[in-house]
């Protein structure tokens, strides 16, 4: 197991990620264990059936990934990922009523021209 301090993680995150490809990396914060970095490919978790899709779905649903990035994480074509989200009842487009009305006004203006 390797260790890295929070300050080292801030200054050179790529080094910690490189180390995580070889072994677990314990992140220390003020001399106390704070987090554990695990390389997902090394564990084989990402190759398990449904894991990529479930992870991408949760990250998109929670607003952590864009639609395009989530589809890439899931390793699914964008139209298929949109269908997947729709089946789960997860909205693909998130707009307020005001934003929708503004878009509709813009569409009406464009169609009128």
PDB file of N, CA and C in Angstrom:
ATOM      1  N   UNK A   1       0.849  -1.173   0.000  1.00  0.00           N
ATOM      2  CA  UNK A   1       0.000   0.000   0.000  1.00  0.00           C
ATOM      3  C   UNK A   1       0.894   1.236   0.000  1.00  0.00           C
ATOM      4  N   UNK A   2       0.469   2.244  -0.749  1.00  0.00           N
ATOM      5  CA  UNK A   2       1.194   3.505  -0.812  1.00  0.00           C
ATOM      6  C   UNK A   2       0.399   4.558  -0.056  1.00  0.00           C
ATOM      7  N   UNK A   3       1.071   5.653   0.301  1.00  0.00           N
ATOM      8  CA  UNK A   3       0.382   6.756   0.975  1.00  0.00           C
ATOM      9  C   UNK A   3       0.709   8.062   0.273  1.00  0.00           C
ATOM     10  N   UNK A   4      -0.209   9.000   0.395  1.00  0.00           N
ATOM     11  CA  UNK A   4      -0.015  10.345  -0.124  1.00  0.00           C
ATOM     12  C   UNK A   4      -0.735  11.298   0.828  1.00  0.00           C
ATOM     13  N   UNK A   5      -0.122  12.448   1.061  1.00  0.00           N
ATOM     14  CA  UNK A   5      -0.770  13.477   1.871  1.00  0.00           C
ATOM     15  C   UNK A   5      -1.737  14.268   0.998  1.00  0.00           C
ATOM     16  N   UNK A   6      -2.713  14.902   1.622  1.00  0.00           N
ATOM     17  CA  UNK A   6      -3.675  15.715   0.880  1.00  0.00           C
ATOM     18  C   UNK A   6      -2.942  16.786   0.072  1.00  0.00           C
ATOM     19  N   UNK A   7      -1.933  17.400   0.660  1.00  0.00           N
ATOM     20  CA  UNK A   7      -1.188  18.439  -0.064  1.00  0.00           C
ATOM     21  C   UNK A   7      -0.487  17.852  -1.288  1.00  0.00           C
ATOM     22  N   UNK A   8       0.055  16.642  -1.158  1.00  0.00           N
ATOM     23  CA  UNK A   8       0.677  15.979  -2.291  1.00  0.00           C
ATOM     24  C   UNK A   8      -0.333  15.630  -3.364  1.00  0.00           C
ATOM     25  N   UNK A   9      -1.534  15.291  -2.927  1.00  0.00           N
ATOM     26  CA  UNK A   9      -2.605  14.981  -3.864  1.00  0.00           C
ATOM     27  C   UNK A   9      -3.024  16.229  -4.638  1.00  0.00           C
ATOM     28  N   UNK A  10      -3.064  17.368  -3.944  1.00  0.00           N
ATOM     29  CA  UNK A  10      -3.411  18.629  -4.604  1.00  0.00           C
ATOM     30  C   UNK A  10      -2.338  19.036  -5.601  1.00  0.00           C
ATOM     31  N   UNK A  11      -1.079  18.886  -5.202  1.00  0.00           N
ATOM     32  CA  UNK A  11       0.030  19.337  -6.041  1.00  0.00           C
ATOM     33  C   UNK A  11       0.278  18.431  -7.244  1.00  0.00           C
ATOM     34  N   UNK A  12       0.062  17.131  -7.090  1.00  0.00           N
ATOM     35  CA  UNK A  12       0.376  16.208  -8.172  1.00  0.00           C
ATOM     36  C   UNK A  12      -0.600  15.024  -8.166  1.00  0.00           C
ATOM     37  N   UNK A  13      -1.860  15.274  -8.545  1.00  0.00           N
ATOM     38  CA  UNK A  13      -2.841  14.184  -8.516  1.00  0.00           C
ATOM     39  C   UNK A  13      -2.508  13.053  -9.476  1.00  0.00           C
ATOM     40  N   UNK A  14      -1.830  13.370 -10.580  1.00  0.00           N
ATOM     41  CA  UNK A  14      -1.523  12.314 -11.547  1.00  0.00           C
ATOM     42  C   UNK A  14      -0.555  11.279 -10.961  1.00  0.00           C
ATOM     43  N   UNK A  15       0.321  11.697 -10.072  1.00  0.00           N
ATOM     44  CA  UNK A  15       1.242  10.757  -9.428  1.00  0.00           C
ATOM     45  C   UNK A  15       0.472   9.782  -8.538  1.00  0.00           C
ATOM     46  N   UNK A  16      -0.506  10.291  -7.798  1.00  0.00           N
ATOM     47  CA  UNK A  16      -1.319   9.418  -6.944  1.00  0.00           C
ATOM     48  C   UNK A  16      -2.115   8.432  -7.803  1.00  0.00           C
ATOM     49  N   UNK A  17      -2.634   8.899  -8.936  1.00  0.00           N
ATOM     50  CA  UNK A  17      -3.367   7.999  -9.829  1.00  0.00           C
ATOM     51  C   UNK A  17      -2.441   6.937 -10.414  1.00  0.00           C
ATOM     52  N   UNK A  18      -1.221   7.334 -10.757  1.00  0.00           N
ATOM     53  CA  UNK A  18      -0.230   6.381 -11.259  1.00  0.00           C
ATOM     54  C   UNK A  18       0.069   5.317 -10.204  1.00  0.00           C
ATOM     55  N   UNK A  19       0.240   5.762  -8.961  1.00  0.00           N
ATOM     56  CA  UNK A  19       0.509   4.826  -7.870  1.00  0.00           C
ATOM     57  C   UNK A  19      -0.677   3.881  -7.659  1.00  0.00           C
ATOM     58  N   UNK A  20      -1.888   4.409  -7.825  1.00  0.00           N
ATOM     59  CA  UNK A  20      -3.090   3.589  -7.619  1.00  0.00           C
ATOM     60  C   UNK A  20      -3.209   2.491  -8.676  1.00  0.00           C
ATOM     61  N   UNK A  21      -2.575   2.674  -9.828  1.00  0.00           N
ATOM     62  CA  UNK A  21      -2.595   1.612 -10.840  1.00  0.00           C
ATOM     63  C   UNK A  21      -1.797   0.399 -10.374  1.00  0.00           C
ATOM     64  N   UNK A  22      -0.856   0.629  -9.463  1.00  0.00           N
ATOM     65  CA  UNK A  22       0.005  -0.445  -8.973  1.00  0.00           C
ATOM     66  C   UNK A  22      -0.479  -1.045  -7.661  1.00  0.00           C
ATOM     67  N   UNK A  23      -1.076  -0.208  -6.802  1.00  0.00           N
ATOM     68  CA  UNK A  23      -1.446  -0.656  -5.460  1.00  0.00           C
ATOM     69  C   UNK A  23      -2.494   0.286  -4.893  1.00  0.00           C
ATOM     70  N   UNK A  24      -3.038  -0.044  -3.742  1.00  0.00           N
ATOM     71  CA  UNK A  24      -3.941   0.858  -3.044  1.00  0.00           C
ATOM     72  C   UNK A  24      -3.160   2.088  -2.594  1.00  0.00           C
ATOM     73  N   UNK A  25      -3.813   3.244  -2.575  1.00  0.00           N
ATOM     74  CA  UNK A  25      -3.173   4.477  -2.115  1.00  0.00           C
ATOM     75  C   UNK A  25      -4.028   5.050  -0.989  1.00  0.00           C
ATOM     76  N   UNK A  26      -3.429   5.168   0.178  1.00  0.00           N
ATOM     77  CA  UNK A  26      -4.097   5.740   1.336  1.00  0.00           C
ATOM     78  C   UNK A  26      -3.831   7.236   1.354  1.00  0.00           C
ATOM     79  N   UNK A  27      -4.883   8.039   1.394  1.00  0.00           N
ATOM     80  CA  UNK A  27      -4.745   9.490   1.446  1.00  0.00           C
ATOM     81  C   UNK A  27      -4.783   9.906   2.914  1.00  0.00           C
ATOM     82  N   UNK A  28      -3.727  10.584   3.319  1.00  0.00           N
ATOM     83  CA  UNK A  28      -3.600  11.037   4.710  1.00  0.00           C
ATOM     84  C   UNK A  28      -3.956  12.517   4.797  1.00  0.00           C
ATOM     85  N   UNK A  29      -4.683  12.871   5.844  1.00  0.00           N
ATOM     86  CA  UNK A  29      -5.051  14.264   6.095  1.00  0.00           C
ATOM     87  C   UNK A  29      -4.699  14.570   7.543  1.00  0.00           C
ATOM     88  N   UNK A  30      -3.706  15.423   7.731  1.00  0.00           N
ATOM     89  CA  UNK A  30      -3.211  15.773   9.077  1.00  0.00           C
ATOM     90  C   UNK A  30      -2.831  14.527   9.871  1.00  0.00           C
ATOM     91  N   UNK A  31      -2.068  13.669   9.217  1.00  0.00           N
ATOM     92  CA  UNK A  31      -1.553  12.433   9.810  1.00  0.00           C
ATOM     93  C   UNK A  31      -2.636  11.420  10.192  1.00  0.00           C
ATOM     94  N   UNK A  32      -3.813  11.569   9.602  1.00  0.00           N
ATOM     95  CA  UNK A  32      -4.898  10.618   9.840  1.00  0.00           C
ATOM     96  C   UNK A  32      -5.364  10.045   8.501  1.00  0.00           C
ATOM     97  N   UNK A  33      -5.618   8.767   8.424  1.00  0.00           N
ATOM     98  CA  UNK A  33      -6.167   8.191   7.189  1.00  0.00           C
ATOM     99  C   UNK A  33      -7.502   8.839   6.858  1.00  0.00           C
ATOM    100  N   UNK A  34      -7.662   9.272   5.611  1.00  0.00           N
ATOM    101  CA  UNK A  34      -8.870  10.005   5.239  1.00  0.00           C
ATOM    102  C   UNK A  34      -9.624   9.349   4.079  1.00  0.00           C
ATOM    103  N   UNK A  35      -8.896   8.777   3.129  1.00  0.00           N
ATOM    104  CA  UNK A  35      -9.550   8.182   1.961  1.00  0.00           C
ATOM    105  C   UNK A  35      -8.655   7.080   1.399  1.00  0.00           C
ATOM    106  N   UNK A  36      -9.250   6.265   0.583  1.00  0.00           N
ATOM    107  CA  UNK A  36      -8.518   5.180  -0.047  1.00  0.00           C
ATOM    108  C   UNK A  36      -8.763   5.252  -1.547  1.00  0.00           C
ATOM    109  N   UNK A  37      -7.681   5.299  -2.320  1.00  0.00           N
ATOM    110  CA  UNK A  37      -7.790   5.315  -3.777  1.00  0.00           C
ATOM    111  C   UNK A  37      -7.575   3.901  -4.298  1.00  0.00           C
ATOM    112  N   UNK A  38      -8.503   3.466  -5.145  1.00  0.00           N
ATOM    113  CA  UNK A  38      -8.445   2.125  -5.715  1.00  0.00           C
ATOM    114  C   UNK A  38      -8.594   2.268  -7.222  1.00  0.00           C
ATOM    115  N   UNK A  39      -7.710   1.661  -7.970  1.00  0.00           N
ATOM    116  CA  UNK A  39      -7.814   1.687  -9.424  1.00  0.00           C
ATOM    117  C   UNK A  39      -8.893   0.697  -9.848  1.00  0.00           C
ATOM    118  N   UNK A  40      -9.941   1.204 -10.480  1.00  0.00           N
ATOM    119  CA  UNK A  40     -11.085   0.361 -10.827  1.00  0.00           C
ATOM    120  C   UNK A  40     -10.752  -0.688 -11.868  1.00  0.00           C
ATOM    121  N   UNK A  41      -9.903  -0.357 -12.825  1.00  0.00           N
ATOM    122  CA  UNK A  41      -9.561  -1.345 -13.851  1.00  0.00           C
ATOM    123  C   UNK A  41      -8.759  -2.493 -13.249  1.00  0.00           C
ATOM    124  N   UNK A  42      -7.901  -2.180 -12.300  1.00  0.00           N
ATOM    125  CA  UNK A  42      -7.073  -3.205 -11.657  1.00  0.00           C
ATOM    126  C   UNK A  42      -7.930  -4.200 -10.878  1.00  0.00           C
ATOM    127  N   UNK A  43      -9.018  -3.714 -10.301  1.00  0.00           N
ATOM    128  CA  UNK A  43      -9.888  -4.591  -9.521  1.00  0.00           C
ATOM    129  C   UNK A  43     -10.807  -5.427 -10.405  1.00  0.00           C
ATOM    130  N   UNK A  44     -10.989  -4.994 -11.644  1.00  0.00           N
ATOM    131  CA  UNK A  44     -11.880  -5.705 -12.546  1.00  0.00           C
ATOM    132  C   UNK A  44     -13.342  -5.362 -12.342  1.00  0.00           C
ATOM    133  N   UNK A  45     -13.630  -4.447 -11.436  1.00  0.00           N
ATOM    134  CA  UNK A  45     -15.021  -4.079 -11.140  1.00  0.00           C
ATOM    135  C   UNK A  45     -15.723  -3.539 -12.381  1.00  0.00           C
ATOM    136  N   UNK A  46     -15.020  -2.732 -13.169  1.00  0.00           N
ATOM    137  CA  UNK A  46     -15.647  -2.105 -14.328  1.00  0.00           C
ATOM    138  C   UNK A  46     -16.003  -3.111 -15.423  1.00  0.00           C
ATOM    139  N   UNK A  47     -15.415  -4.303 -15.365  1.00  0.00           N
ATOM    140  CA  UNK A  47     -15.712  -5.330 -16.365  1.00  0.00           C
ATOM    141  C   UNK A  47     -16.909  -6.203 -15.978  1.00  0.00           C
ATOM    142  N   UNK A  48     -17.379  -6.044 -14.756  1.00  0.00           N
ATOM    143  CA  UNK A  48     -18.524  -6.834 -14.319  1.00  0.00           C
ATOM    144  C   UNK A  48     -19.787  -6.338 -15.014  1.00  0.00           C
ATOM    145  N   UNK A  49     -20.673  -7.239 -15.335  1.00  0.00           N
ATOM    146  CA  UNK A  49     -21.891  -6.911 -16.074  1.00  0.00           C
ATOM    147  C   UNK A  49     -22.699  -5.824 -15.370  1.00  0.00           C
ATOM    148  N   UNK A  50     -23.024  -4.777 -16.111  1.00  0.00           N
ATOM    149  CA  UNK A  50     -23.904  -3.725 -15.619  1.00  0.00           C
ATOM    150  C   UNK A  50     -23.249  -2.654 -14.773  1.00  0.00           C
ATOM    151  N   UNK A  51     -22.013  -2.833 -14.355  1.00  0.00           N
ATOM    152  CA  UNK A  51     -21.380  -1.871 -13.453  1.00  0.00           C
ATOM    153  C   UNK A  51     -21.175  -0.523 -14.139  1.00  0.00           C
ATOM    154  N   UNK A  52     -20.628  -0.539 -15.350  1.00  0.00           N
ATOM    155  CA  UNK A  52     -20.391   0.719 -16.075  1.00  0.00           C
ATOM    156  C   UNK A  52     -21.698   1.497 -16.269  1.00  0.00           C
ATOM    157  N   UNK A  53     -22.723   0.789 -16.682  1.00  0.00           N
ATOM    158  CA  UNK A  53     -24.008   1.442 -16.933  1.00  0.00           C
ATOM    159  C   UNK A  53     -24.610   1.978 -15.644  1.00  0.00           C
ATOM    160  N   UNK A  54     -24.551   1.203 -14.583  1.00  0.00           N
ATOM    161  CA  UNK A  54     -25.104   1.647 -13.303  1.00  0.00           C
ATOM    162  C   UNK A  54     -24.349   2.857 -12.765  1.00  0.00           C
ATOM    163  N   UNK A  55     -23.028   2.821 -12.860  1.00  0.00           N
ATOM    164  CA  UNK A  55     -22.214   3.941 -12.388  1.00  0.00           C
ATOM    165  C   UNK A  55     -22.522   5.198 -13.195  1.00  0.00           C
ATOM    166  N   UNK A  56     -22.544   5.071 -14.514  1.00  0.00           N
ATOM    167  CA  UNK A  56     -22.811   6.219 -15.381  1.00  0.00           C
ATOM    168  C   UNK A  56     -24.213   6.773 -15.136  1.00  0.00           C
ATOM    169  N   UNK A  57     -25.176   5.891 -14.947  1.00  0.00           N
ATOM    170  CA  UNK A  57     -26.554   6.315 -14.697  1.00  0.00           C
ATOM    171  C   UNK A  57     -26.648   7.116 -13.408  1.00  0.00           C
ATOM    172  N   UNK A  58     -26.043   6.607 -12.345  1.00  0.00           N
ATOM    173  CA  UNK A  58     -26.087   7.299 -11.055  1.00  0.00           C
ATOM    174  C   UNK A  58     -25.373   8.649 -11.124  1.00  0.00           C
ATOM    175  N   UNK A  59     -24.228   8.693 -11.786  1.00  0.00           N
ATOM    176  CA  UNK A  59     -23.482   9.946 -11.891  1.00  0.00           C
ATOM    177  C   UNK A  59     -24.234  10.978 -12.729  1.00  0.00           C
ATOM    178  N   UNK A  60     -24.905  10.538 -13.784  1.00  0.00           N
ATOM    179  CA  UNK A  60     -25.709  11.474 -14.581  1.00  0.00           C
ATOM    180  C   UNK A  60     -26.913  11.948 -13.773  1.00  0.00           C
ATOM    181  N   UNK A  61     -27.612  11.020 -13.154  1.00  0.00           N
ATOM    182  CA  UNK A  61     -28.806  11.357 -12.362  1.00  0.00           C
ATOM    183  C   UNK A  61     -28.492  12.379 -11.279  1.00  0.00           C
ATOM    184  N   UNK A  62     -27.320  12.240 -10.666  1.00  0.00           N
ATOM    185  CA  UNK A  62     -26.934  13.141  -9.580  1.00  0.00           C
ATOM    186  C   UNK A  62     -26.283  14.434 -10.066  1.00  0.00           C
ATOM    187  N   UNK A  63     -26.179  14.589 -11.395  1.00  0.00           N
ATOM    188  CA  UNK A  63     -25.629  15.818 -11.953  1.00  0.00           C
ATOM    189  C   UNK A  63     -24.117  15.889 -11.937  1.00  0.00           C
ATOM    190  N   UNK A  64     -23.456  14.763 -11.740  1.00  0.00           N
ATOM    191  CA  UNK A  64     -21.994  14.740 -11.681  1.00  0.00           C
ATOM    192  C   UNK A  64     -21.345  14.601 -13.053  1.00  0.00           C
ATOM    193  N   UNK A  65     -22.081  14.046 -14.021  1.00  0.00           N
ATOM    194  CA  UNK A  65     -21.570  13.882 -15.384  1.00  0.00           C
ATOM    195  C   UNK A  65     -22.588  14.420 -16.374  1.00  0.00           C
ATOM    196  N   UNK A  66     -22.086  14.962 -17.472  1.00  0.00           N
ATOM    197  CA  UNK A  66     -22.962  15.367 -18.563  1.00  0.00           C
ATOM    198  C   UNK A  66     -23.523  14.117 -19.231  1.00  0.00           C
ATOM    199  N   UNK A  67     -24.525  14.310 -20.040  1.00  0.00           N
ATOM    200  CA  UNK A  67     -25.140  13.196 -20.749  1.00  0.00           C
ATOM    201  C   UNK A  67     -24.122  12.481 -21.634  1.00  0.00           C
ATOM    202  N   UNK A  68     -23.345  13.240 -22.372  1.00  0.00           N
ATOM    203  CA  UNK A  68     -22.361  12.666 -23.282  1.00  0.00           C
ATOM    204  C   UNK A  68     -21.278  11.888 -22.531  1.00  0.00           C
ATOM    205  N   UNK A  69     -20.777  12.471 -21.445  1.00  0.00           N
ATOM    206  CA  UNK A  69     -19.741  11.784 -20.659  1.00  0.00           C
ATOM    207  C   UNK A  69     -20.285  10.532 -19.993  1.00  0.00           C
ATOM    208  N   UNK A  70     -21.509  10.600 -19.512  1.00  0.00           N
ATOM    209  CA  UNK A  70     -22.112   9.424 -18.878  1.00  0.00           C
ATOM    210  C   UNK A  70     -22.259   8.291 -19.883  1.00  0.00           C
ATOM    211  N   UNK A  71     -22.668   8.619 -21.105  1.00  0.00           N
ATOM    212  CA  UNK A  71     -22.783   7.590 -22.144  1.00  0.00           C
ATOM    213  C   UNK A  71     -21.416   6.980 -22.429  1.00  0.00           C
ATOM    214  N   UNK A  72     -20.371   7.812 -22.421  1.00  0.00           N
ATOM    215  CA  UNK A  72     -19.011   7.307 -22.659  1.00  0.00           C
ATOM    216  C   UNK A  72     -18.565   6.398 -21.525  1.00  0.00           C
ATOM    217  N   UNK A  73     -18.858   6.769 -20.279  1.00  0.00           N
ATOM    218  CA  UNK A  73     -18.505   5.920 -19.139  1.00  0.00           C
ATOM    219  C   UNK A  73     -19.241   4.586 -19.241  1.00  0.00           C
ATOM    220  N   UNK A  74     -20.503   4.641 -19.631  1.00  0.00           N
ATOM    221  CA  UNK A  74     -21.300   3.417 -19.770  1.00  0.00           C
ATOM    222  C   UNK A  74     -20.857   2.595 -20.971  1.00  0.00           C
ATOM    223  N   UNK A  75     -20.100   3.228 -21.859  1.00  0.00           N
ATOM    224  CA  UNK A  75     -19.657   2.578 -23.102  1.00  0.00           C
ATOM    225  C   UNK A  75     -20.858   2.173 -23.949  1.00  0.00           C
ATOM    226  N   UNK A  76     -21.813   3.114 -24.012  1.00  0.00           N
ATOM    227  CA  UNK A  76     -23.051   2.924 -24.765  1.00  0.00           C
ATOM    228  C   UNK A  76     -23.193   4.114 -25.716  1.00  0.00           C
ATOM    229  N   UNK A  77     -23.705   3.873 -26.902  1.00  0.00           N
ATOM    230  CA  UNK A  77     -23.977   4.962 -27.838  1.00  0.00           C
ATOM    231  C   UNK A  77     -24.970   5.930 -27.199  1.00  0.00           C
ATOM    232  N   UNK A  78     -24.796   7.212 -27.464  1.00  0.00           N
ATOM    233  CA  UNK A  78     -25.626   8.243 -26.837  1.00  0.00           C
ATOM    234  C   UNK A  78     -27.129   7.984 -27.001  1.00  0.00           C
ATOM    235  N   UNK A  79     -27.627   7.686 -28.203  1.00  0.00           N
ATOM    236  CA  UNK A  79     -29.081   7.429 -28.317  1.00  0.00           C
ATOM    237  C   UNK A  79     -29.549   6.244 -27.455  1.00  0.00           C
ATOM    238  N   UNK A  80     -28.721   5.221 -27.352  1.00  0.00           N
ATOM    239  CA  UNK A  80     -29.084   4.063 -26.525  1.00  0.00           C
ATOM    240  C   UNK A  80     -29.070   4.422 -25.038  1.00  0.00           C
ATOM    241  N   UNK A  81     -28.133   5.291 -24.639  1.00  0.00           N
ATOM    242  CA  UNK A  81     -28.075   5.714 -23.238  1.00  0.00           C
ATOM    243  C   UNK A  81     -29.294   6.574 -22.899  1.00  0.00           C
ATOM    244  N   UNK A  82     -29.702   7.426 -23.834  1.00  0.00           N
ATOM    245  CA  UNK A  82     -30.903   8.244 -23.624  1.00  0.00           C
ATOM    246  C   UNK A  82     -32.116   7.342 -23.441  1.00  0.00           C
ATOM    247  N   UNK A  83     -32.230   6.305 -24.259  1.00  0.00           N
ATOM    248  CA  UNK A  83     -33.332   5.344 -24.134  1.00  0.00           C
ATOM    249  C   UNK A  83     -33.283   4.651 -22.777  1.00  0.00           C
ATOM    250  N   UNK A  84     -32.082   4.267 -22.365  1.00  0.00           N
ATOM    251  CA  UNK A  84     -31.896   3.624 -21.055  1.00  0.00           C
ATOM    252  C   UNK A  84     -32.396   4.531 -19.928  1.00  0.00           C
ATOM    253  N   UNK A  85     -31.989   5.799 -19.966  1.00  0.00           N
ATOM    254  CA  UNK A  85     -32.419   6.750 -18.930  1.00  0.00           C
ATOM    255  C   UNK A  85     -33.930   6.938 -18.944  1.00  0.00           C
ATOM    256  N   UNK A  86     -34.494   7.023 -20.135  1.00  0.00           N
ATOM    257  CA  UNK A  86     -35.943   7.213 -20.262  1.00  0.00           C
ATOM    258  C   UNK A  86     -36.701   6.043 -19.651  1.00  0.00           C
ATOM    259  N   UNK A  87     -36.204   4.832 -19.885  1.00  0.00           N
ATOM    260  CA  UNK A  87     -36.856   3.647 -19.307  1.00  0.00           C
ATOM    261  C   UNK A  87     -36.843   3.686 -17.784  1.00  0.00           C
ATOM    262  N   UNK A  88     -35.812   4.316 -17.224  1.00  0.00           N
ATOM    263  CA  UNK A  88     -35.706   4.424 -15.764  1.00  0.00           C
ATOM    264  C   UNK A  88     -36.445   5.635 -15.211  1.00  0.00           C
ATOM    265  N   UNK A  89     -37.003   6.448 -16.098  1.00  0.00           N
ATOM    266  CA  UNK A  89     -37.718   7.646 -15.653  1.00  0.00           C
ATOM    267  C   UNK A  89     -36.796   8.788 -15.249  1.00  0.00           C
ATOM    268  N   UNK A  90     -35.571   8.754 -15.737  1.00  0.00           N
ATOM    269  CA  UNK A  90     -34.604   9.819 -15.426  1.00  0.00           C
ATOM    270  C   UNK A  90     -34.653  10.835 -16.556  1.00  0.00           C
ATOM    271  N   UNK A  91     -34.999  12.086 -16.240  1.00  0.00           N
ATOM    272  CA  UNK A  91     -35.082  13.097 -17.299  1.00  0.00           C
ATOM    273  C   UNK A  91     -33.719  13.374 -17.920  1.00  0.00           C
ATOM    274  N   UNK A  92     -33.717  13.454 -19.245  1.00  0.00           N
ATOM    275  CA  UNK A  92     -32.484  13.714 -19.979  1.00  0.00           C
ATOM    276  C   UNK A  92     -32.228  15.217 -20.052  1.00  0.00           C
ATOM    277  N   UNK A  93     -33.304  15.978 -20.151  1.00  0.00           N
ATOM    278  CA  UNK A  93     -33.195  17.444 -20.223  1.00  0.00           C
ATOM    279  C   UNK A  93     -33.743  18.006 -18.925  1.00  0.00           C
ATOM    280  N   UNK A  94     -32.940  18.852 -18.320  1.00  0.00           N
ATOM    281  CA  UNK A  94     -33.340  19.463 -17.051  1.00  0.00           C
ATOM    282  C   UNK A  94     -33.435  20.971 -17.256  1.00  0.00           C
ATOM    283  N   UNK A  95     -34.653  21.457 -17.365  1.00  0.00           N
ATOM    284  CA  UNK A  95     -34.863  22.884 -17.549  1.00  0.00           C
ATOM    285  C   UNK A  95     -35.974  23.352 -16.631  1.00  0.00           C
ATOM    286  N   UNK A  96     -35.872  24.606 -16.255  1.00  0.00           N
ATOM    287  CA  UNK A  96     -36.942  25.210 -15.482  1.00  0.00           C
ATOM    288  C   UNK A  96     -38.059  25.604 -16.445  1.00  0.00           C
ATOM    289  N   UNK A  97     -39.213  25.916 -15.900  1.00  0.00           N
ATOM    290  CA  UNK A  97     -40.336  26.346 -16.733  1.00  0.00           C
ATOM    291  C   UNK A  97     -39.980  27.607 -17.519  1.00  0.00           C
ATOM    292  N   UNK A  98     -39.255  28.521 -16.884  1.00  0.00           N
ATOM    293  CA  UNK A  98     -38.834  29.765 -17.543  1.00  0.00           C
ATOM    294  C   UNK A  98     -37.913  29.475 -18.722  1.00  0.00           C
ATOM    295  N   UNK A  99     -36.973  28.543 -18.541  1.00  0.00           N
ATOM    296  CA  UNK A  99     -36.056  28.187 -19.622  1.00  0.00           C
ATOM    297  C   UNK A  99     -36.799  27.544 -20.791  1.00  0.00           C
ATOM    298  N   UNK A 100     -37.783  26.711 -20.491  1.00  0.00           N
ATOM    299  CA  UNK A 100     -38.575  26.071 -21.544  1.00  0.00           C
ATOM    300  C   UNK A 100     -39.362  27.130 -22.311  1.00  0.00           C
ATOM    301  N   UNK A 101     -39.977  28.069 -21.588  1.00  0.00           N
ATOM    302  CA  UNK A 101     -40.747  29.126 -22.245  1.00  0.00           C
ATOM    303  C   UNK A 101     -39.844  29.977 -23.138  1.00  0.00           C
ATOM    304  N   UNK A 102     -38.659  30.289 -22.674  1.00  0.00           N
ATOM    305  CA  UNK A 102     -37.713  31.073 -23.470  1.00  0.00           C
ATOM    306  C   UNK A 102     -37.318  30.303 -24.734  1.00  0.00           C
ATOM    307  N   UNK A 103     -37.063  29.021 -24.593  1.00  0.00           N
ATOM    308  CA  UNK A 103     -36.726  28.191 -25.752  1.00  0.00           C
ATOM    309  C   UNK A 103     -37.887  28.133 -26.744  1.00  0.00           C
ATOM    310  N   UNK A 104     -39.093  28.018 -26.226  1.00  0.00           N
ATOM    311  CA  UNK A 104     -40.273  27.982 -27.106  1.00  0.00           C
ATOM    312  C   UNK A 104     -40.445  29.307 -27.837  1.00  0.00           C
ATOM    313  N   UNK A 105     -40.211  30.420 -27.151  1.00  0.00           N
ATOM    314  CA  UNK A 105     -40.276  31.737 -27.796  1.00  0.00           C
ATOM    315  C   UNK A 105     -39.240  31.838 -28.902  1.00  0.00           C
ATOM    316  N   UNK A 106     -38.028  31.360 -28.639  1.00  0.00           N
ATOM    317  CA  UNK A 106     -36.965  31.380 -29.642  1.00  0.00           C
ATOM    318  C   UNK A 106     -37.346  30.524 -30.841  1.00  0.00           C
ATOM    319  N   UNK A 107     -37.933  29.362 -30.580  1.00  0.00           N
ATOM    320  CA  UNK A 107     -38.373  28.481 -31.655  1.00  0.00           C
ATOM    321  C   UNK A 107     -39.469  29.152 -32.481  1.00  0.00           C
ATOM    322  N   UNK A 108     -40.428  29.771 -31.813  1.00  0.00           N
ATOM    323  CA  UNK A 108     -41.506  30.478 -32.524  1.00  0.00           C
ATOM    324  C   UNK A 108     -40.953  31.576 -33.414  1.00  0.00           C
ATOM    325  N   UNK A 109     -39.975  32.343 -32.897  1.00  0.00           N
ATOM    326  CA  UNK A 109     -39.340  33.407 -33.694  1.00  0.00           C
ATOM    327  C   UNK A 109     -38.611  32.817 -34.893  1.00  0.00           C
ATOM    328  N   UNK A 110     -37.932  31.731 -34.691  1.00  0.00           N
ATOM    329  CA  UNK A 110     -37.179  31.109 -35.778  1.00  0.00           C
ATOM    330  C   UNK A 110     -38.125  30.564 -36.849  1.00  0.00           C
ATOM    331  N   UNK A 111     -39.206  29.938 -36.415  1.00  0.00           N
ATOM    332  CA  UNK A 111     -40.174  29.400 -37.365  1.00  0.00           C
ATOM    333  C   UNK A 111     -40.895  30.505 -38.140  1.00  0.00           C
ATOM    334  N   UNK A 112     -41.097  31.650 -37.505  1.00  0.00           N
ATOM    335  CA  UNK A 112     -41.773  32.776 -38.156  1.00  0.00           C
ATOM    336  C   UNK A 112     -40.883  33.461 -39.194  1.00  0.00           C
ATOM    337  N   UNK A 113     -39.574  33.308 -39.069  1.00  0.00           N
ATOM    338  CA  UNK A 113     -38.675  34.015 -40.013  1.00  0.00           C
ATOM    339  C   UNK A 113     -38.472  33.286 -41.312  1.00  0.00           C
TER     340      UNK A 113
END
